[in-house]
Amino acid sequence: PMADQVIPEREQAAILNAFEGAELEVAGPGVHQQLIAELEQLEAATAK
């Protein structure tokens, strides 16, 4: 990805950690995985 060429690996890790922290604080634990599971179910249902 382009980010790998522009943003140092250490800074990418810091960005990811900050995003994950914000996600937990705003949405709560497990919400991200729950939404992914629901999306997969919707995709499977509409692929028929």
PDB file of N, CA and C in Angstrom:
ATOM      1  N   PRO A   1       0.813  -1.207   0.000  1.00  0.00           N
ATOM      2  CA  PRO A   1       0.000   0.000   0.000  1.00  0.00           C
ATOM      3  C   PRO A   1       0.854   1.269   0.000  1.00  0.00           C
ATOM      4  N   MET A   2       0.272   2.312  -0.463  1.00  0.00           N
ATOM      5  CA  MET A   2       0.966   3.595  -0.534  1.00  0.00           C
ATOM      6  C   MET A   2       1.410   4.070   0.848  1.00  0.00           C
ATOM      7  N   ALA A   3       0.600   3.795   1.862  1.00  0.00           N
ATOM      8  CA  ALA A   3       0.949   4.226   3.224  1.00  0.00           C
ATOM      9  C   ALA A   3       2.283   3.641   3.664  1.00  0.00           C
ATOM     10  N   ASP A   4       2.576   2.425   3.227  1.00  0.00           N
ATOM     11  CA  ASP A   4       3.849   1.799   3.589  1.00  0.00           C
ATOM     12  C   ASP A   4       5.037   2.580   3.039  1.00  0.00           C
ATOM     13  N   GLN A   5       4.824   3.269   1.941  1.00  0.00           N
ATOM     14  CA  GLN A   5       5.893   4.049   1.323  1.00  0.00           C
ATOM     15  C   GLN A   5       6.027   5.434   1.946  1.00  0.00           C
ATOM     16  N   VAL A   6       4.949   5.922   2.541  1.00  0.00           N
ATOM     17  CA  VAL A   6       4.916   7.303   3.023  1.00  0.00           C
ATOM     18  C   VAL A   6       5.017   7.415   4.546  1.00  0.00           C
ATOM     19  N   ILE A   7       4.384   6.492   5.255  1.00  0.00           N
ATOM     20  CA  ILE A   7       4.320   6.564   6.717  1.00  0.00           C
ATOM     21  C   ILE A   7       5.221   5.480   7.310  1.00  0.00           C
ATOM     22  N   PRO A   8       6.154   5.858   8.158  1.00  0.00           N
ATOM     23  CA  PRO A   8       7.037   4.870   8.780  1.00  0.00           C
ATOM     24  C   PRO A   8       6.242   3.816   9.563  1.00  0.00           C
ATOM     25  N   GLU A   9       6.778   2.610   9.623  1.00  0.00           N
ATOM     26  CA  GLU A   9       6.098   1.487  10.270  1.00  0.00           C
ATOM     27  C   GLU A   9       5.731   1.791  11.718  1.00  0.00           C
ATOM     28  N   ARG A  10       6.625   2.432  12.444  1.00  0.00           N
ATOM     29  CA  ARG A  10       6.359   2.758  13.850  1.00  0.00           C
ATOM     30  C   ARG A  10       5.171   3.720  13.963  1.00  0.00           C
ATOM     31  N   GLU A  11       5.093   4.687  13.053  1.00  0.00           N
ATOM     32  CA  GLU A  11       3.982   5.641  13.075  1.00  0.00           C
ATOM     33  C   GLU A  11       2.675   4.957  12.671  1.00  0.00           C
ATOM     34  N   GLN A  12       2.742   4.037  11.721  1.00  0.00           N
ATOM     35  CA  GLN A  12       1.547   3.277  11.338  1.00  0.00           C
ATOM     36  C   GLN A  12       1.006   2.498  12.534  1.00  0.00           C
ATOM     37  N   ALA A  13       1.904   1.890  13.307  1.00  0.00           N
ATOM     38  CA  ALA A  13       1.491   1.136  14.491  1.00  0.00           C
ATOM     39  C   ALA A  13       0.829   2.054  15.514  1.00  0.00           C
ATOM     40  N   ALA A  14       1.375   3.251  15.686  1.00  0.00           N
ATOM     41  CA  ALA A  14       0.794   4.210  16.631  1.00  0.00           C
ATOM     42  C   ALA A  14      -0.596   4.644  16.173  1.00  0.00           C
ATOM     43  N   ILE A  15      -0.761   4.856  14.877  1.00  0.00           N
ATOM     44  CA  ILE A  15      -2.065   5.245  14.328  1.00  0.00           C
ATOM     45  C   ILE A  15      -3.075   4.124  14.553  1.00  0.00           C
ATOM     46  N   LEU A  16      -2.667   2.895  14.275  1.00  0.00           N
ATOM     47  CA  LEU A  16      -3.552   1.748  14.467  1.00  0.00           C
ATOM     48  C   LEU A  16      -3.965   1.612  15.927  1.00  0.00           C
ATOM     49  N   ASN A  17      -3.014   1.747  16.837  1.00  0.00           N
ATOM     50  CA  ASN A  17      -3.327   1.652  18.267  1.00  0.00           C
ATOM     51  C   ASN A  17      -4.287   2.748  18.703  1.00  0.00           C
ATOM     52  N   ALA A  18      -4.086   3.965  18.203  1.00  0.00           N
ATOM     53  CA  ALA A  18      -4.976   5.075  18.550  1.00  0.00           C
ATOM     54  C   ALA A  18      -6.380   4.826  18.010  1.00  0.00           C
ATOM     55  N   PHE A  19      -6.464   4.323  16.786  1.00  0.00           N
ATOM     56  CA  PHE A  19      -7.767   4.033  16.192  1.00  0.00           C
ATOM     57  C   PHE A  19      -8.494   2.948  16.986  1.00  0.00           C
ATOM     58  N   GLU A  20      -7.779   1.880  17.327  1.00  0.00           N
ATOM     59  CA  GLU A  20      -8.399   0.797  18.087  1.00  0.00           C
ATOM     60  C   GLU A  20      -8.859   1.277  19.460  1.00  0.00           C
ATOM     61  N   GLY A  21      -8.076   2.144  20.089  1.00  0.00           N
ATOM     62  CA  GLY A  21      -8.471   2.697  21.379  1.00  0.00           C
ATOM     63  C   GLY A  21      -9.725   3.541  21.274  1.00  0.00           C
ATOM     64  N   ALA A  22      -9.789   4.365  20.244  1.00  0.00           N
ATOM     65  CA  ALA A  22     -10.966   5.205  20.033  1.00  0.00           C
ATOM     66  C   ALA A  22     -12.187   4.347  19.725  1.00  0.00           C
ATOM     67  N   GLU A  23     -11.992   3.320  18.940  1.00  0.00           N
ATOM     68  CA  GLU A  23     -13.093   2.423  18.595  1.00  0.00           C
ATOM     69  C   GLU A  23     -13.667   1.756  19.851  1.00  0.00           C
ATOM     70  N   LEU A  24     -12.797   1.291  20.730  1.00  0.00           N
ATOM     71  CA  LEU A  24     -13.261   0.678  21.974  1.00  0.00           C
ATOM     72  C   LEU A  24     -13.990   1.683  22.856  1.00  0.00           C
ATOM     73  N   GLU A  25     -13.470   2.892  22.903  1.00  0.00           N
ATOM     74  CA  GLU A  25     -14.057   3.930  23.751  1.00  0.00           C
ATOM     75  C   GLU A  25     -15.418   4.375  23.229  1.00  0.00           C
ATOM     76  N   VAL A  26     -15.545   4.496  21.918  1.00  0.00           N
ATOM     77  CA  VAL A  26     -16.786   5.000  21.327  1.00  0.00           C
ATOM     78  C   VAL A  26     -17.824   3.889  21.162  1.00  0.00           C
ATOM     79  N   ALA A  27     -17.421   2.779  20.560  1.00  0.00           N
ATOM     80  CA  ALA A  27     -18.375   1.719  20.243  1.00  0.00           C
ATOM     81  C   ALA A  27     -18.486   0.681  21.352  1.00  0.00           C
ATOM     82  N   GLY A  28     -17.386   0.420  22.013  1.00  0.00           N
ATOM     83  CA  GLY A  28     -17.381  -0.594  23.066  1.00  0.00           C
ATOM     84  C   GLY A  28     -16.730  -1.878  22.585  1.00  0.00           C
ATOM     85  N   PRO A  29     -16.356  -2.722  23.532  1.00  0.00           N
ATOM     86  CA  PRO A  29     -15.669  -3.959  23.177  1.00  0.00           C
ATOM     87  C   PRO A  29     -16.581  -4.920  22.413  1.00  0.00           C
ATOM     88  N   GLY A  30     -16.030  -5.534  21.384  1.00  0.00           N
ATOM     89  CA  GLY A  30     -16.755  -6.547  20.622  1.00  0.00           C
ATOM     90  C   GLY A  30     -17.668  -6.030  19.536  1.00  0.00           C
ATOM     91  N   VAL A  31     -17.926  -4.739  19.502  1.00  0.00           N
ATOM     92  CA  VAL A  31     -18.868  -4.190  18.527  1.00  0.00           C
ATOM     93  C   VAL A  31     -18.321  -4.326  17.107  1.00  0.00           C
ATOM     94  N   HIS A  32     -17.052  -4.068  16.925  1.00  0.00           N
ATOM     95  CA  HIS A  32     -16.453  -4.165  15.590  1.00  0.00           C
ATOM     96  C   HIS A  32     -16.629  -5.578  15.033  1.00  0.00           C
ATOM     97  N   GLN A  33     -16.291  -6.583  15.829  1.00  0.00           N
ATOM     98  CA  GLN A  33     -16.415  -7.970  15.371  1.00  0.00           C
ATOM     99  C   GLN A  33     -17.877  -8.336  15.121  1.00  0.00           C
ATOM    100  N   GLN A  34     -18.769  -7.830  15.941  1.00  0.00           N
ATOM    101  CA  GLN A  34     -20.194  -8.097  15.760  1.00  0.00           C
ATOM    102  C   GLN A  34     -20.677  -7.512  14.436  1.00  0.00           C
ATOM    103  N   LEU A  35     -20.251  -6.305  14.120  1.00  0.00           N
ATOM    104  CA  LEU A  35     -20.654  -5.680  12.865  1.00  0.00           C
ATOM    105  C   LEU A  35     -20.087  -6.424  11.663  1.00  0.00           C
ATOM    106  N   ILE A  36     -18.872  -6.904  11.770  1.00  0.00           N
ATOM    107  CA  ILE A  36     -18.281  -7.689  10.685  1.00  0.00           C
ATOM    108  C   ILE A  36     -19.089  -8.970  10.469  1.00  0.00           C
ATOM    109  N   ALA A  37     -19.463  -9.642  11.553  1.00  0.00           N
ATOM    110  CA  ALA A  37     -20.253 -10.868  11.449  1.00  0.00           C
ATOM    111  C   ALA A  37     -21.607 -10.591  10.801  1.00  0.00           C
ATOM    112  N   GLU A  38     -22.253  -9.498  11.178  1.00  0.00           N
ATOM    113  CA  GLU A  38     -23.542  -9.141  10.587  1.00  0.00           C
ATOM    114  C   GLU A  38     -23.393  -8.833   9.100  1.00  0.00           C
ATOM    115  N   LEU A  39     -22.336  -8.143   8.736  1.00  0.00           N
ATOM    116  CA  LEU A  39     -22.090  -7.840   7.330  1.00  0.00           C
ATOM    117  C   LEU A  39     -21.885  -9.125   6.531  1.00  0.00           C
ATOM    118  N   GLU A  40     -21.129 -10.063   7.080  1.00  0.00           N
ATOM    119  CA  GLU A  40     -20.904 -11.339   6.397  1.00  0.00           C
ATOM    120  C   GLU A  40     -22.217 -12.092   6.206  1.00  0.00           C
ATOM    121  N   GLN A  41     -23.105 -12.034   7.199  1.00  0.00           N
ATOM    122  CA  GLN A  41     -24.412 -12.682   7.074  1.00  0.00           C
ATOM    123  C   GLN A  41     -25.238 -12.020   5.977  1.00  0.00           C
ATOM    124  N   LEU A  42     -25.214 -10.702   5.922  1.00  0.00           N
ATOM    125  CA  LEU A  42     -25.949  -9.984   4.881  1.00  0.00           C
ATOM    126  C   LEU A  42     -25.395 -10.303   3.496  1.00  0.00           C
ATOM    127  N   GLU A  43     -24.079 -10.346   3.388  1.00  0.00           N
ATOM    128  CA  GLU A  43     -23.463 -10.678   2.103  1.00  0.00           C
ATOM    129  C   GLU A  43     -23.857 -12.083   1.665  1.00  0.00           C
ATOM    130  N   ALA A  44     -23.854 -13.027   2.591  1.00  0.00           N
ATOM    131  CA  ALA A  44     -24.222 -14.402   2.261  1.00  0.00           C
ATOM    132  C   ALA A  44     -25.691 -14.487   1.845  1.00  0.00           C
ATOM    133  N   ALA A  45     -26.545 -13.742   2.525  1.00  0.00           N
ATOM    134  CA  ALA A  45     -27.971 -13.773   2.220  1.00  0.00           C
ATOM    135  C   ALA A  45     -28.279 -13.143   0.869  1.00  0.00           C
ATOM    136  N   THR A  46     -27.536 -12.131   0.490  1.00  0.00           N
ATOM    137  CA  THR A  46     -27.815 -11.450  -0.781  1.00  0.00           C
ATOM    138  C   THR A  46     -27.083 -12.090  -1.952  1.00  0.00           C
ATOM    139  N   ALA A  47     -26.159 -12.994  -1.683  1.00  0.00           N
ATOM    140  CA  ALA A  47     -25.401 -13.646  -2.752  1.00  0.00           C
ATOM    141  C   ALA A  47     -26.189 -14.789  -3.381  1.00  0.00           C
ATOM    142  N   LYS A  48     -27.283 -15.169  -2.766  1.00  0.00           N
ATOM    143  CA  LYS A  48     -28.080 -16.306  -3.264  1.00  0.00           C
ATOM    144  C   LYS A  48     -28.858 -15.949  -4.495  1.00  0.00           C
TER     145      LYS A  48
END
